[in-house]
Amino acid sequence: HRICHEDTAMKYNDIGNGWTLVTSSAVRNSANASIGGVGILLSPFALKTLNNIESINSRVMIATFDGNPKTTVICCYSPTNASEPEQAVKFYEELTELIKDIPKHNVKVIAGDLNAQIGPEDIKGYTYNTSSNRNGYLLLDLMEECELIPTNNTFEKSKGKLWTFQYPNGTKAQLDYILINKKWRNSMINCEAYSSFNLIGSDHRIVTAEIRLSLRASKPRTSKQINYDWEKLRTDNAVKDAYTVEVQNRFEALQSMDEDQSTDSIYQNIITAHKESAKRHIPQKPKRKQYVPWQNSEVTCKREDLSLQS
């Protein structure tokens, strides 16, 4: 996206209707031009299931979503094939290590402009390119080492559905990829590129993949209810007296620290005083032993009698 927000490495952008664009800032070179910059667009449901999102650098973002299993998405933007070899090698090496750090049971989706051309002689599947370039070989090494497959080279498509980039001279190439770990290859339903120049003003086309996953929003954790033996307040005067004094002292302490003397605040202080005092002075009810029919003494005796008879 080449958006620079130098005050923070990552920024949340509300784009309306509950959708959120999270961007990793591009950086400026010596000519003050923006380099890099990636982002992940989240629907309201995706935002709800988001477990963690992190900006690794101006070219890589990683996000993990709750589900069964969890899904980790890496959005990335590789240096061009004309960049210094050291830059490209460093990018792919760091991306490889990042992917390896993802838990093995997670669904891994790596998507972005990888500036890589893979030819038909180097891949089993369908490709627009006629040969592989330097970045293409780096991508092939990454996929082999991390056990990934390219979804947009998996499905048989016309040439018009395979190319993702158009050079100024009109030449077309497949440079953008969506990768998934081999373990989840059967979850892929479709992947193809769409003509989208007029929509987003880019020399790249939108590449989409349909993957069947199970995302789940985290359920709020509820505290376990403590089963106090409140009968002790009626039968044990020592417990009753200690509890009464503790509640009164704790409530007065809370009130002295609370500048807000509204009815809601006073009520909340009463609740807090009782909860804290109960923990200190009211014993919990003993857990009831679960009744197991076959452990009944009468059943045991009859079993022994039958055993003797046999």
C-alpha atoms as a PDB file:
ATOM      1  CA  HIS A   1       0.000   0.000   0.000  1.00  0.00           C
ATOM      2  CA  ARG A   2       3.040   2.293   0.509  1.00  0.00           C
ATOM      3  CA  ILE A   3       1.274   4.188   3.315  1.00  0.00           C
ATOM      4  CA  CYS A   4       3.664   5.754   5.831  1.00  0.00           C
ATOM      5  CA  HIS A   5       2.593   6.342   9.425  1.00  0.00           C
ATOM      6  CA  GLU A   6       5.909   7.056  11.080  1.00  0.00           C
ATOM      7  CA  ASP A   7       4.399   7.548  14.545  1.00  0.00           C
ATOM      8  CA  THR A   8       3.579   3.835  14.815  1.00  0.00           C
ATOM      9  CA  ALA A   9       4.669   0.652  13.037  1.00  0.00           C
ATOM     10  CA  MET A  10       1.105  -0.672  12.843  1.00  0.00           C
ATOM     11  CA  LYS A  11      -2.161   1.195  12.521  1.00  0.00           C
ATOM     12  CA  TYR A  12      -5.838   0.239  12.723  1.00  0.00           C
ATOM     13  CA  ASN A  13      -8.006   2.026  10.158  1.00  0.00           C
ATOM     14  CA  ASP A  14     -11.803   1.957  10.489  1.00  0.00           C
ATOM     15  CA  ILE A  15     -13.156   1.958   6.930  1.00  0.00           C
ATOM     16  CA  GLY A  16     -16.826   1.666   7.844  1.00  0.00           C
ATOM     17  CA  ASN A  17     -19.513  -1.012   8.296  1.00  0.00           C
ATOM     18  CA  GLY A  18     -17.368  -2.752  10.905  1.00  0.00           C
ATOM     19  CA  TRP A  19     -14.459  -3.434   8.516  1.00  0.00           C
ATOM     20  CA  THR A  20     -10.920  -2.672   9.721  1.00  0.00           C
ATOM     21  CA  LEU A  21      -7.740  -2.255   7.675  1.00  0.00           C
ATOM     22  CA  VAL A  22      -4.607  -2.973   9.714  1.00  0.00           C
ATOM     23  CA  THR A  23      -1.487  -1.584   8.022  1.00  0.00           C
ATOM     24  CA  SER A  24       2.219  -2.043   8.578  1.00  0.00           C
ATOM     25  CA  SER A  25       3.925   1.241   7.718  1.00  0.00           C
ATOM     26  CA  ALA A  26       6.070   1.620   4.628  1.00  0.00           C
ATOM     27  CA  VAL A  27       9.499   3.245   5.009  1.00  0.00           C
ATOM     28  CA  ARG A  28      11.020   6.130   3.071  1.00  0.00           C
ATOM     29  CA  ASN A  29      14.282   5.779   1.147  1.00  0.00           C
ATOM     30  CA  SER A  30      16.913   8.450   0.485  1.00  0.00           C
ATOM     31  CA  ALA A  31      14.733   9.902  -2.291  1.00  0.00           C
ATOM     32  CA  ASN A  32      11.798  10.156   0.174  1.00  0.00           C
ATOM     33  CA  ALA A  33       9.870   7.513  -1.783  1.00  0.00           C
ATOM     34  CA  SER A  34       7.737   4.978   0.106  1.00  0.00           C
ATOM     35  CA  ILE A  35       9.118   1.435   0.099  1.00  0.00           C
ATOM     36  CA  GLY A  36       7.186  -1.617   1.290  1.00  0.00           C
ATOM     37  CA  GLY A  37       3.974  -1.410   3.257  1.00  0.00           C
ATOM     38  CA  VAL A  38       1.495  -4.268   3.738  1.00  0.00           C
ATOM     39  CA  GLY A  39      -1.957  -4.572   5.266  1.00  0.00           C
ATOM     40  CA  ILE A  40      -4.691  -7.015   6.267  1.00  0.00           C
ATOM     41  CA  LEU A  41      -8.366  -6.173   5.791  1.00  0.00           C
ATOM     42  CA  LEU A  42     -10.584  -7.653   8.512  1.00  0.00           C
ATOM     43  CA  SER A  43     -14.317  -8.228   8.323  1.00  0.00           C
ATOM     44  CA  PRO A  44     -16.332  -7.754  11.552  1.00  0.00           C
ATOM     45  CA  PHE A  45     -16.256 -11.525  12.183  1.00  0.00           C
ATOM     46  CA  ALA A  46     -12.540 -11.830  11.388  1.00  0.00           C
ATOM     47  CA  LEU A  47     -11.828  -8.993  13.820  1.00  0.00           C
ATOM     48  CA  LYS A  48     -13.833 -10.810  16.480  1.00  0.00           C
ATOM     49  CA  THR A  49     -11.823 -14.007  16.020  1.00  0.00           C
ATOM     50  CA  LEU A  50      -8.472 -12.184  15.835  1.00  0.00           C
ATOM     51  CA  ASN A  51      -6.128 -13.619  18.455  1.00  0.00           C
ATOM     52  CA  ASN A  52      -2.981 -11.642  17.670  1.00  0.00           C
ATOM     53  CA  ILE A  53      -1.574  -9.408  14.941  1.00  0.00           C
ATOM     54  CA  GLU A  54       1.972  -8.129  14.626  1.00  0.00           C
ATOM     55  CA  SER A  55       4.017  -6.011  12.251  1.00  0.00           C
ATOM     56  CA  ILE A  56       7.320  -7.818  11.653  1.00  0.00           C
ATOM     57  CA  ASN A  57       8.686  -5.079   9.388  1.00  0.00           C
ATOM     58  CA  SER A  58       7.546  -2.863   6.519  1.00  0.00           C
ATOM     59  CA  ARG A  59       7.224  -5.910   4.256  1.00  0.00           C
ATOM     60  CA  VAL A  60       5.702  -8.544   6.553  1.00  0.00           C
ATOM     61  CA  MET A  61       2.666  -8.783   8.846  1.00  0.00           C
ATOM     62  CA  ILE A  62       1.416 -11.839  10.715  1.00  0.00           C
ATOM     63  CA  ALA A  63      -2.022 -12.453  12.217  1.00  0.00           C
ATOM     64  CA  THR A  64      -3.469 -15.458  14.057  1.00  0.00           C
ATOM     65  CA  PHE A  65      -7.190 -16.199  14.262  1.00  0.00           C
ATOM     66  CA  ASP A  66      -8.947 -18.424  16.790  1.00  0.00           C
ATOM     67  CA  GLY A  67     -10.563 -21.571  15.435  1.00  0.00           C
ATOM     68  CA  ASN A  68     -10.224 -25.310  15.335  1.00  0.00           C
ATOM     69  CA  PRO A  69      -7.391 -25.310  14.490  1.00  0.00           C
ATOM     70  CA  LYS A  70      -6.038 -21.772  14.675  1.00  0.00           C
ATOM     71  CA  THR A  71      -5.265 -20.021  11.392  1.00  0.00           C
ATOM     72  CA  THR A  72      -2.129 -17.937  10.891  1.00  0.00           C
ATOM     73  CA  VAL A  73      -2.009 -15.508   7.970  1.00  0.00           C
ATOM     74  CA  ILE A  74       1.197 -13.827   6.773  1.00  0.00           C
ATOM     75  CA  CYS A  75       0.871 -10.854   4.440  1.00  0.00           C
ATOM     76  CA  CYS A  76       4.134 -10.064   2.655  1.00  0.00           C
ATOM     77  CA  TYR A  77       5.718  -7.959  -0.095  1.00  0.00           C
ATOM     78  CA  SER A  78       9.013  -9.192  -1.536  1.00  0.00           C
ATOM     79  CA  PRO A  79      11.772  -7.017  -3.022  1.00  0.00           C
ATOM     80  CA  THR A  80      11.573  -7.007  -6.809  1.00  0.00           C
ATOM     81  CA  ASN A  81      13.546  -9.415  -8.947  1.00  0.00           C
ATOM     82  CA  ALA A  82      15.777  -6.486  -9.981  1.00  0.00           C
ATOM     83  CA  SER A  83      16.726  -5.681  -6.374  1.00  0.00           C
ATOM     84  CA  GLU A  84      20.125  -6.494  -4.900  1.00  0.00           C
ATOM     85  CA  PRO A  85      20.463 -10.282  -4.454  1.00  0.00           C
ATOM     86  CA  GLU A  86      21.310  -9.821  -0.760  1.00  0.00           C
ATOM     87  CA  GLN A  87      17.981  -8.047  -0.171  1.00  0.00           C
ATOM     88  CA  ALA A  88      15.925 -10.788  -1.762  1.00  0.00           C
ATOM     89  CA  VAL A  89      17.826 -13.600  -0.053  1.00  0.00           C
ATOM     90  CA  LYS A  90      17.461 -11.898   3.336  1.00  0.00           C
ATOM     91  CA  PHE A  91      13.739 -11.385   2.812  1.00  0.00           C
ATOM     92  CA  TYR A  92      13.076 -15.024   1.911  1.00  0.00           C
ATOM     93  CA  GLU A  93      15.327 -16.355   4.677  1.00  0.00           C
ATOM     94  CA  GLU A  94      13.563 -14.255   7.333  1.00  0.00           C
ATOM     95  CA  LEU A  95      10.158 -15.235   5.937  1.00  0.00           C
ATOM     96  CA  THR A  96      11.159 -18.916   6.080  1.00  0.00           C
ATOM     97  CA  GLU A  97      12.162 -18.634   9.752  1.00  0.00           C
ATOM     98  CA  LEU A  98       8.923 -16.814  10.581  1.00  0.00           C
ATOM     99  CA  ILE A  99       6.846 -19.565   8.977  1.00  0.00           C
ATOM    100  CA  LYS A 100       8.806 -22.261  10.816  1.00  0.00           C
ATOM    101  CA  ASP A 101       8.002 -20.582  14.144  1.00  0.00           C
ATOM    102  CA  ILE A 102       4.261 -21.029  13.570  1.00  0.00           C
ATOM    103  CA  PRO A 103       2.824 -24.026  15.502  1.00  0.00           C
ATOM    104  CA  LYS A 104       2.704 -27.058  13.201  1.00  0.00           C
ATOM    105  CA  HIS A 105      -1.004 -27.742  13.766  1.00  0.00           C
ATOM    106  CA  ASN A 106      -2.020 -24.222  12.622  1.00  0.00           C
ATOM    107  CA  VAL A 107      -3.422 -23.568   9.168  1.00  0.00           C
ATOM    108  CA  LYS A 108      -0.761 -21.395   7.488  1.00  0.00           C
ATOM    109  CA  VAL A 109      -1.707 -18.959   4.749  1.00  0.00           C
ATOM    110  CA  ILE A 110       1.023 -16.810   3.175  1.00  0.00           C
ATOM    111  CA  ALA A 111      -0.267 -14.222   0.720  1.00  0.00           C
ATOM    112  CA  GLY A 112       1.214 -11.277  -1.101  1.00  0.00           C
ATOM    113  CA  ASP A 113       3.306  -9.838  -3.898  1.00  0.00           C
ATOM    114  CA  LEU A 114       6.303 -12.146  -3.906  1.00  0.00           C
ATOM    115  CA  ASN A 115       7.716 -10.752  -7.185  1.00  0.00           C
ATOM    116  CA  ALA A 116       8.440 -14.345  -8.175  1.00  0.00           C
ATOM    117  CA  GLN A 117       7.932 -16.071 -11.502  1.00  0.00           C
ATOM    118  CA  ILE A 118       7.722 -19.865 -11.478  1.00  0.00           C
ATOM    119  CA  GLY A 119       7.920 -21.666 -14.804  1.00  0.00           C
ATOM    120  CA  PRO A 120       6.134 -24.898 -15.818  1.00  0.00           C
ATOM    121  CA  GLU A 121       9.375 -26.901 -15.622  1.00  0.00           C
ATOM    122  CA  ASP A 122       9.666 -26.147 -11.889  1.00  0.00           C
ATOM    123  CA  ILE A 123       6.150 -26.771 -10.619  1.00  0.00           C
ATOM    124  CA  LYS A 124       3.466 -29.419 -10.903  1.00  0.00           C
ATOM    125  CA  GLY A 125       0.391 -27.442 -11.782  1.00  0.00           C
ATOM    126  CA  TYR A 126      -0.708 -24.481 -13.823  1.00  0.00           C
ATOM    127  CA  THR A 127       1.335 -21.313 -14.278  1.00  0.00           C
ATOM    128  CA  TYR A 128       1.211 -18.269 -16.521  1.00  0.00           C
ATOM    129  CA  ASN A 129       4.978 -17.802 -16.590  1.00  0.00           C
ATOM    130  CA  THR A 130       7.176 -19.461 -19.193  1.00  0.00           C
ATOM    131  CA  SER A 131      10.244 -19.725 -16.944  1.00  0.00           C
ATOM    132  CA  SER A 132      11.405 -19.122 -13.371  1.00  0.00           C
ATOM    133  CA  ASN A 133      13.333 -16.037 -12.277  1.00  0.00           C
ATOM    134  CA  ARG A 134      15.680 -15.526  -9.325  1.00  0.00           C
ATOM    135  CA  ASN A 135      12.876 -14.765  -6.873  1.00  0.00           C
ATOM    136  CA  GLY A 136      11.008 -17.751  -8.264  1.00  0.00           C
ATOM    137  CA  TYR A 137      13.788 -20.107  -7.218  1.00  0.00           C
ATOM    138  CA  LEU A 138      13.887 -18.479  -3.768  1.00  0.00           C
ATOM    139  CA  LEU A 139      10.138 -19.023  -3.465  1.00  0.00           C
ATOM    140  CA  LEU A 140      10.473 -22.642  -4.551  1.00  0.00           C
ATOM    141  CA  ASP A 141      13.099 -23.213  -1.840  1.00  0.00           C
ATOM    142  CA  LEU A 142      10.811 -21.595   0.750  1.00  0.00           C
ATOM    143  CA  MET A 143       7.835 -23.761  -0.239  1.00  0.00           C
ATOM    144  CA  GLU A 144       9.902 -26.945  -0.103  1.00  0.00           C
ATOM    145  CA  GLU A 145      11.453 -26.110   3.260  1.00  0.00           C
ATOM    146  CA  CYS A 146       8.151 -25.029   4.858  1.00  0.00           C
ATOM    147  CA  GLU A 147       5.959 -27.671   3.120  1.00  0.00           C
ATOM    148  CA  LEU A 148       3.735 -25.145   1.350  1.00  0.00           C
ATOM    149  CA  ILE A 149       1.875 -25.252  -1.951  1.00  0.00           C
ATOM    150  CA  PRO A 150       0.724 -22.331  -4.139  1.00  0.00           C
ATOM    151  CA  THR A 151      -3.069 -22.308  -4.375  1.00  0.00           C
ATOM    152  CA  ASN A 152      -3.126 -20.275  -7.587  1.00  0.00           C
ATOM    153  CA  ASN A 153      -1.020 -22.920  -9.367  1.00  0.00           C
ATOM    154  CA  THR A 154      -3.225 -25.782  -8.179  1.00  0.00           C
ATOM    155  CA  PHE A 155      -6.487 -25.248 -10.040  1.00  0.00           C
ATOM    156  CA  GLU A 156      -6.771 -25.533 -13.792  1.00  0.00           C
ATOM    157  CA  LYS A 157      -7.603 -22.069 -15.120  1.00  0.00           C
ATOM    158  CA  SER A 158      -7.439 -20.218 -18.404  1.00  0.00           C
ATOM    159  CA  LYS A 159      -4.373 -18.010 -18.882  1.00  0.00           C
ATOM    160  CA  GLY A 160      -6.585 -15.001 -18.239  1.00  0.00           C
ATOM    161  CA  LYS A 161      -7.221 -16.227 -14.684  1.00  0.00           C
ATOM    162  CA  LEU A 162      -3.545 -16.889 -13.903  1.00  0.00           C
ATOM    163  CA  TRP A 163      -1.616 -13.666 -14.551  1.00  0.00           C
ATOM    164  CA  THR A 164      -1.539 -11.146 -11.693  1.00  0.00           C
ATOM    165  CA  PHE A 165       0.663  -8.262 -12.909  1.00  0.00           C
ATOM    166  CA  GLN A 166       1.053  -6.161 -16.041  1.00  0.00           C
ATOM    167  CA  TYR A 167       4.273  -4.312 -16.888  1.00  0.00           C
ATOM    168  CA  PRO A 168       4.159  -0.844 -18.496  1.00  0.00           C
ATOM    169  CA  ASN A 169       4.978  -2.407 -21.897  1.00  0.00           C
ATOM    170  CA  GLY A 170       1.905  -4.657 -21.651  1.00  0.00           C
ATOM    171  CA  THR A 171       3.761  -7.858 -20.733  1.00  0.00           C
ATOM    172  CA  LYS A 172       1.948  -9.956 -18.130  1.00  0.00           C
ATOM    173  CA  ALA A 173       3.261 -12.228 -15.376  1.00  0.00           C
ATOM    174  CA  GLN A 174       2.201 -14.219 -12.357  1.00  0.00           C
ATOM    175  CA  LEU A 175       3.948 -12.560  -9.376  1.00  0.00           C
ATOM    176  CA  ASP A 176       1.357 -12.715  -6.573  1.00  0.00           C
ATOM    177  CA  TYR A 177       0.701 -15.936  -4.672  1.00  0.00           C
ATOM    178  CA  ILE A 178      -1.433 -17.411  -1.926  1.00  0.00           C
ATOM    179  CA  LEU A 179       0.355 -20.331  -0.243  1.00  0.00           C
ATOM    180  CA  ILE A 180      -1.050 -22.880   2.202  1.00  0.00           C
ATOM    181  CA  ASN A 181       0.603 -25.715   4.120  1.00  0.00           C
ATOM    182  CA  LYS A 182       0.277 -29.099   2.409  1.00  0.00           C
ATOM    183  CA  LYS A 183      -1.525 -30.585   5.392  1.00  0.00           C
ATOM    184  CA  TRP A 184      -4.563 -28.422   4.579  1.00  0.00           C
ATOM    185  CA  ARG A 185      -4.498 -28.707   0.783  1.00  0.00           C
ATOM    186  CA  ASN A 186      -7.905 -30.432   0.792  1.00  0.00           C
ATOM    187  CA  SER A 187      -9.415 -27.339   2.427  1.00  0.00           C
ATOM    188  CA  MET A 188      -8.767 -25.330  -0.754  1.00  0.00           C
ATOM    189  CA  ILE A 189     -11.830 -24.797  -2.912  1.00  0.00           C
ATOM    190  CA  ASN A 190     -10.701 -22.270  -5.517  1.00  0.00           C
ATOM    191  CA  CYS A 191      -8.101 -19.617  -6.347  1.00  0.00           C
ATOM    192  CA  GLU A 192      -7.967 -17.164  -9.258  1.00  0.00           C
ATOM    193  CA  ALA A 193      -7.095 -13.613 -10.270  1.00  0.00           C
ATOM    194  CA  TYR A 194      -9.629 -10.945 -11.206  1.00  0.00           C
ATOM    195  CA  SER A 195      -9.378  -7.929 -13.508  1.00  0.00           C
ATOM    196  CA  SER A 196      -9.346  -5.118 -10.985  1.00  0.00           C
ATOM    197  CA  PHE A 197      -7.268  -2.254 -12.403  1.00  0.00           C
ATOM    198  CA  ASN A 198     -10.222   0.098 -12.675  1.00  0.00           C
ATOM    199  CA  LEU A 199     -11.268  -0.631  -9.090  1.00  0.00           C
ATOM    200  CA  ILE A 200      -8.040  -0.082  -7.190  1.00  0.00           C
ATOM    201  CA  GLY A 201      -5.778   1.785  -9.620  1.00  0.00           C
ATOM    202  CA  SER A 202      -2.974  -0.773  -9.431  1.00  0.00           C
ATOM    203  CA  ASP A 203      -0.812  -2.654 -11.910  1.00  0.00           C
ATOM    204  CA  HIS A 204      -1.583  -5.794  -9.874  1.00  0.00           C
ATOM    205  CA  ARG A 205      -4.789  -7.792  -9.998  1.00  0.00           C
ATOM    206  CA  ILE A 206      -6.726  -9.018  -6.986  1.00  0.00           C
ATOM    207  CA  VAL A 207      -6.008 -12.678  -6.252  1.00  0.00           C
ATOM    208  CA  THR A 208      -8.562 -14.534  -4.154  1.00  0.00           C
ATOM    209  CA  ALA A 209      -8.557 -17.982  -2.614  1.00  0.00           C
ATOM    210  CA  GLU A 210     -11.537 -19.793  -1.185  1.00  0.00           C
ATOM    211  CA  ILE A 211     -10.480 -21.962   1.735  1.00  0.00           C
ATOM    212  CA  ARG A 212     -12.853 -23.890   3.980  1.00  0.00           C
ATOM    213  CA  LEU A 213     -11.865 -23.192   7.592  1.00  0.00           C
ATOM    214  CA  SER A 214     -13.536 -23.129  11.003  1.00  0.00           C
ATOM    215  CA  LEU A 215     -13.035 -19.806  12.786  1.00  0.00           C
ATOM    216  CA  ARG A 216     -14.358 -19.447  16.299  1.00  0.00           C
ATOM    217  CA  ALA A 217     -14.602 -16.374  18.457  1.00  0.00           C
ATOM    218  CA  SER A 218     -13.135 -16.861  21.915  1.00  0.00           C
ATOM    219  CA  LYS A 219     -15.758 -17.408  24.564  1.00  0.00           C
ATOM    220  CA  PRO A 220     -15.497 -15.080  27.548  1.00  0.00           C
ATOM    221  CA  ARG A 221     -14.064 -16.850  30.549  1.00  0.00           C
ATOM    222  CA  THR A 222     -16.439 -17.117  33.472  1.00  0.00           C
ATOM    223  CA  SER A 223     -15.134 -17.393  36.995  1.00  0.00           C
ATOM    224  CA  LYS A 224     -16.018 -20.605  38.798  1.00  0.00           C
ATOM    225  CA  GLN A 225     -18.681 -20.074  41.436  1.00  0.00           C
ATOM    226  CA  ILE A 226     -17.570 -20.855  44.978  1.00  0.00           C
ATOM    227  CA  ASN A 227     -20.092 -22.863  46.975  1.00  0.00           C
ATOM    228  CA  TYR A 228     -19.896 -21.344  50.472  1.00  0.00           C
ATOM    229  CA  ASP A 229     -21.475 -22.986  53.523  1.00  0.00           C
ATOM    230  CA  TRP A 230     -23.694 -20.020  54.487  1.00  0.00           C
ATOM    231  CA  GLU A 231     -25.364 -22.171  57.136  1.00  0.00           C
ATOM    232  CA  LYS A 232     -22.312 -21.444  59.330  1.00  0.00           C
ATOM    233  CA  LEU A 233     -23.527 -17.851  59.808  1.00  0.00           C
ATOM    234  CA  ARG A 234     -26.590 -19.225  61.620  1.00  0.00           C
ATOM    235  CA  THR A 235     -24.971 -22.043  63.578  1.00  0.00           C
ATOM    236  CA  ASP A 236     -21.469 -20.722  64.373  1.00  0.00           C
ATOM    237  CA  ASN A 237     -21.356 -17.441  66.316  1.00  0.00           C
ATOM    238  CA  ALA A 238     -17.575 -17.089  65.937  1.00  0.00           C
ATOM    239  CA  VAL A 239     -17.866 -17.230  62.151  1.00  0.00           C
ATOM    240  CA  LYS A 240     -20.829 -14.868  62.211  1.00  0.00           C
ATOM    241  CA  ASP A 241     -19.057 -12.260  64.358  1.00  0.00           C
ATOM    242  CA  ALA A 242     -15.803 -12.396  62.384  1.00  0.00           C
ATOM    243  CA  TYR A 243     -17.662 -12.116  59.084  1.00  0.00           C
ATOM    244  CA  THR A 244     -19.793  -9.179  60.262  1.00  0.00           C
ATOM    245  CA  VAL A 245     -16.782  -7.203  61.482  1.00  0.00           C
ATOM    246  CA  GLU A 246     -14.801  -7.968  58.319  1.00  0.00           C
ATOM    247  CA  VAL A 247     -17.643  -6.821  56.037  1.00  0.00           C
ATOM    248  CA  GLN A 248     -18.075  -3.569  57.958  1.00  0.00           C
ATOM    249  CA  ASN A 249     -14.356  -2.754  58.005  1.00  0.00           C
ATOM    250  CA  ARG A 250     -13.838  -3.640  54.339  1.00  0.00           C
ATOM    251  CA  PHE A 251     -16.848  -1.587  53.242  1.00  0.00           C
ATOM    252  CA  GLU A 252     -15.651   1.464  55.176  1.00  0.00           C
ATOM    253  CA  ALA A 253     -12.177   1.108  53.636  1.00  0.00           C
ATOM    254  CA  LEU A 254     -13.620   0.906  50.117  1.00  0.00           C
ATOM    255  CA  GLN A 255     -15.842   3.919  50.727  1.00  0.00           C
ATOM    256  CA  SER A 256     -12.936   6.008  51.987  1.00  0.00           C
ATOM    257  CA  MET A 257     -10.987   5.307  48.768  1.00  0.00           C
ATOM    258  CA  ASP A 258     -13.953   5.923  46.443  1.00  0.00           C
ATOM    259  CA  GLU A 259     -14.579   9.521  45.435  1.00  0.00           C
ATOM    260  CA  ASP A 260     -17.727   8.519  43.579  1.00  0.00           C
ATOM    261  CA  GLN A 261     -20.481   8.223  46.206  1.00  0.00           C
ATOM    262  CA  SER A 262     -23.283   7.341  43.775  1.00  0.00           C
ATOM    263  CA  THR A 263     -25.804   4.624  44.558  1.00  0.00           C
ATOM    264  CA  ASP A 264     -24.190   2.280  42.022  1.00  0.00           C
ATOM    265  CA  SER A 265     -20.758   2.813  43.556  1.00  0.00           C
ATOM    266  CA  ILE A 266     -21.999   2.167  47.095  1.00  0.00           C
ATOM    267  CA  TYR A 267     -23.794  -0.981  45.950  1.00  0.00           C
ATOM    268  CA  GLN A 268     -20.668  -2.247  44.200  1.00  0.00           C
ATOM    269  CA  ASN A 269     -18.597  -1.632  47.353  1.00  0.00           C
ATOM    270  CA  ILE A 270     -21.108  -3.632  49.413  1.00  0.00           C
ATOM    271  CA  ILE A 271     -20.846  -6.552  46.970  1.00  0.00           C
ATOM    272  CA  THR A 272     -17.037  -6.395  46.988  1.00  0.00           C
ATOM    273  CA  ALA A 273     -16.887  -6.265  50.791  1.00  0.00           C
ATOM    274  CA  HIS A 274     -19.099  -9.357  51.104  1.00  0.00           C
ATOM    275  CA  LYS A 275     -17.148 -11.306  48.452  1.00  0.00           C
ATOM    276  CA  GLU A 276     -13.761 -10.596  50.031  1.00  0.00           C
ATOM    277  CA  SER A 277     -15.012 -11.294  53.556  1.00  0.00           C
ATOM    278  CA  ALA A 278     -16.594 -14.572  52.533  1.00  0.00           C
ATOM    279  CA  LYS A 279     -13.271 -15.781  51.101  1.00  0.00           C
ATOM    280  CA  ARG A 280     -11.620 -15.198  54.469  1.00  0.00           C
ATOM    281  CA  HIS A 281     -14.257 -16.385  56.934  1.00  0.00           C
ATOM    282  CA  ILE A 282     -16.914 -18.607  55.338  1.00  0.00           C
ATOM    283  CA  PRO A 283     -15.848 -22.221  54.756  1.00  0.00           C
ATOM    284  CA  GLN A 284     -16.741 -23.895  51.488  1.00  0.00           C
ATOM    285  CA  LYS A 285     -19.190 -26.758  51.389  1.00  0.00           C
ATOM    286  CA  PRO A 286     -17.459 -30.120  51.045  1.00  0.00           C
ATOM    287  CA  LYS A 287     -17.751 -31.606  47.595  1.00  0.00           C
ATOM    288  CA  ARG A 288     -20.311 -34.313  47.335  1.00  0.00           C
ATOM    289  CA  LYS A 289     -18.979 -37.666  46.338  1.00  0.00           C
ATOM    290  CA  GLN A 290     -20.500 -38.669  43.046  1.00  0.00           C
ATOM    291  CA  TYR A 291     -22.816 -41.634  43.424  1.00  0.00           C
ATOM    292  CA  VAL A 292     -21.663 -44.623  41.394  1.00  0.00           C
ATOM    293  CA  PRO A 293     -24.296 -47.410  41.378  1.00  0.00           C
ATOM    294  CA  TRP A 294     -21.838 -50.261  40.893  1.00  0.00           C
ATOM    295  CA  GLN A 295     -19.844 -49.145  43.944  1.00  0.00           C
ATOM    296  CA  ASN A 296     -22.851 -49.622  46.219  1.00  0.00           C
ATOM    297  CA  SER A 297     -22.090 -51.963  49.149  1.00  0.00           C
ATOM    298  CA  GLU A 298     -25.178 -54.089  48.454  1.00  0.00           C
ATOM    299  CA  VAL A 299     -24.185 -54.522  44.817  1.00  0.00           C
ATOM    300  CA  THR A 300     -20.640 -55.414  45.874  1.00  0.00           C
ATOM    301  CA  CYS A 301     -21.887 -58.117  48.265  1.00  0.00           C
ATOM    302  CA  LYS A 302     -24.108 -59.689  45.622  1.00  0.00           C
ATOM    303  CA  ARG A 303     -21.189 -59.724  43.181  1.00  0.00           C
ATOM    304  CA  GLU A 304     -19.055 -61.519  45.721  1.00  0.00           C
ATOM    305  CA  ASP A 305     -21.810 -64.067  46.357  1.00  0.00           C
ATOM    306  CA  LEU A 306     -22.146 -64.748  42.629  1.00  0.00           C
ATOM    307  CA  SER A 307     -18.397 -65.115  42.342  1.00  0.00           C
ATOM    308  CA  LEU A 308     -18.331 -67.687  45.167  1.00  0.00           C
ATOM    309  CA  GLN A 309     -21.220 -69.639  43.642  1.00  0.00           C
ATOM    310  CA  SER A 310     -19.467 -69.871  40.288  1.00  0.00           C
END
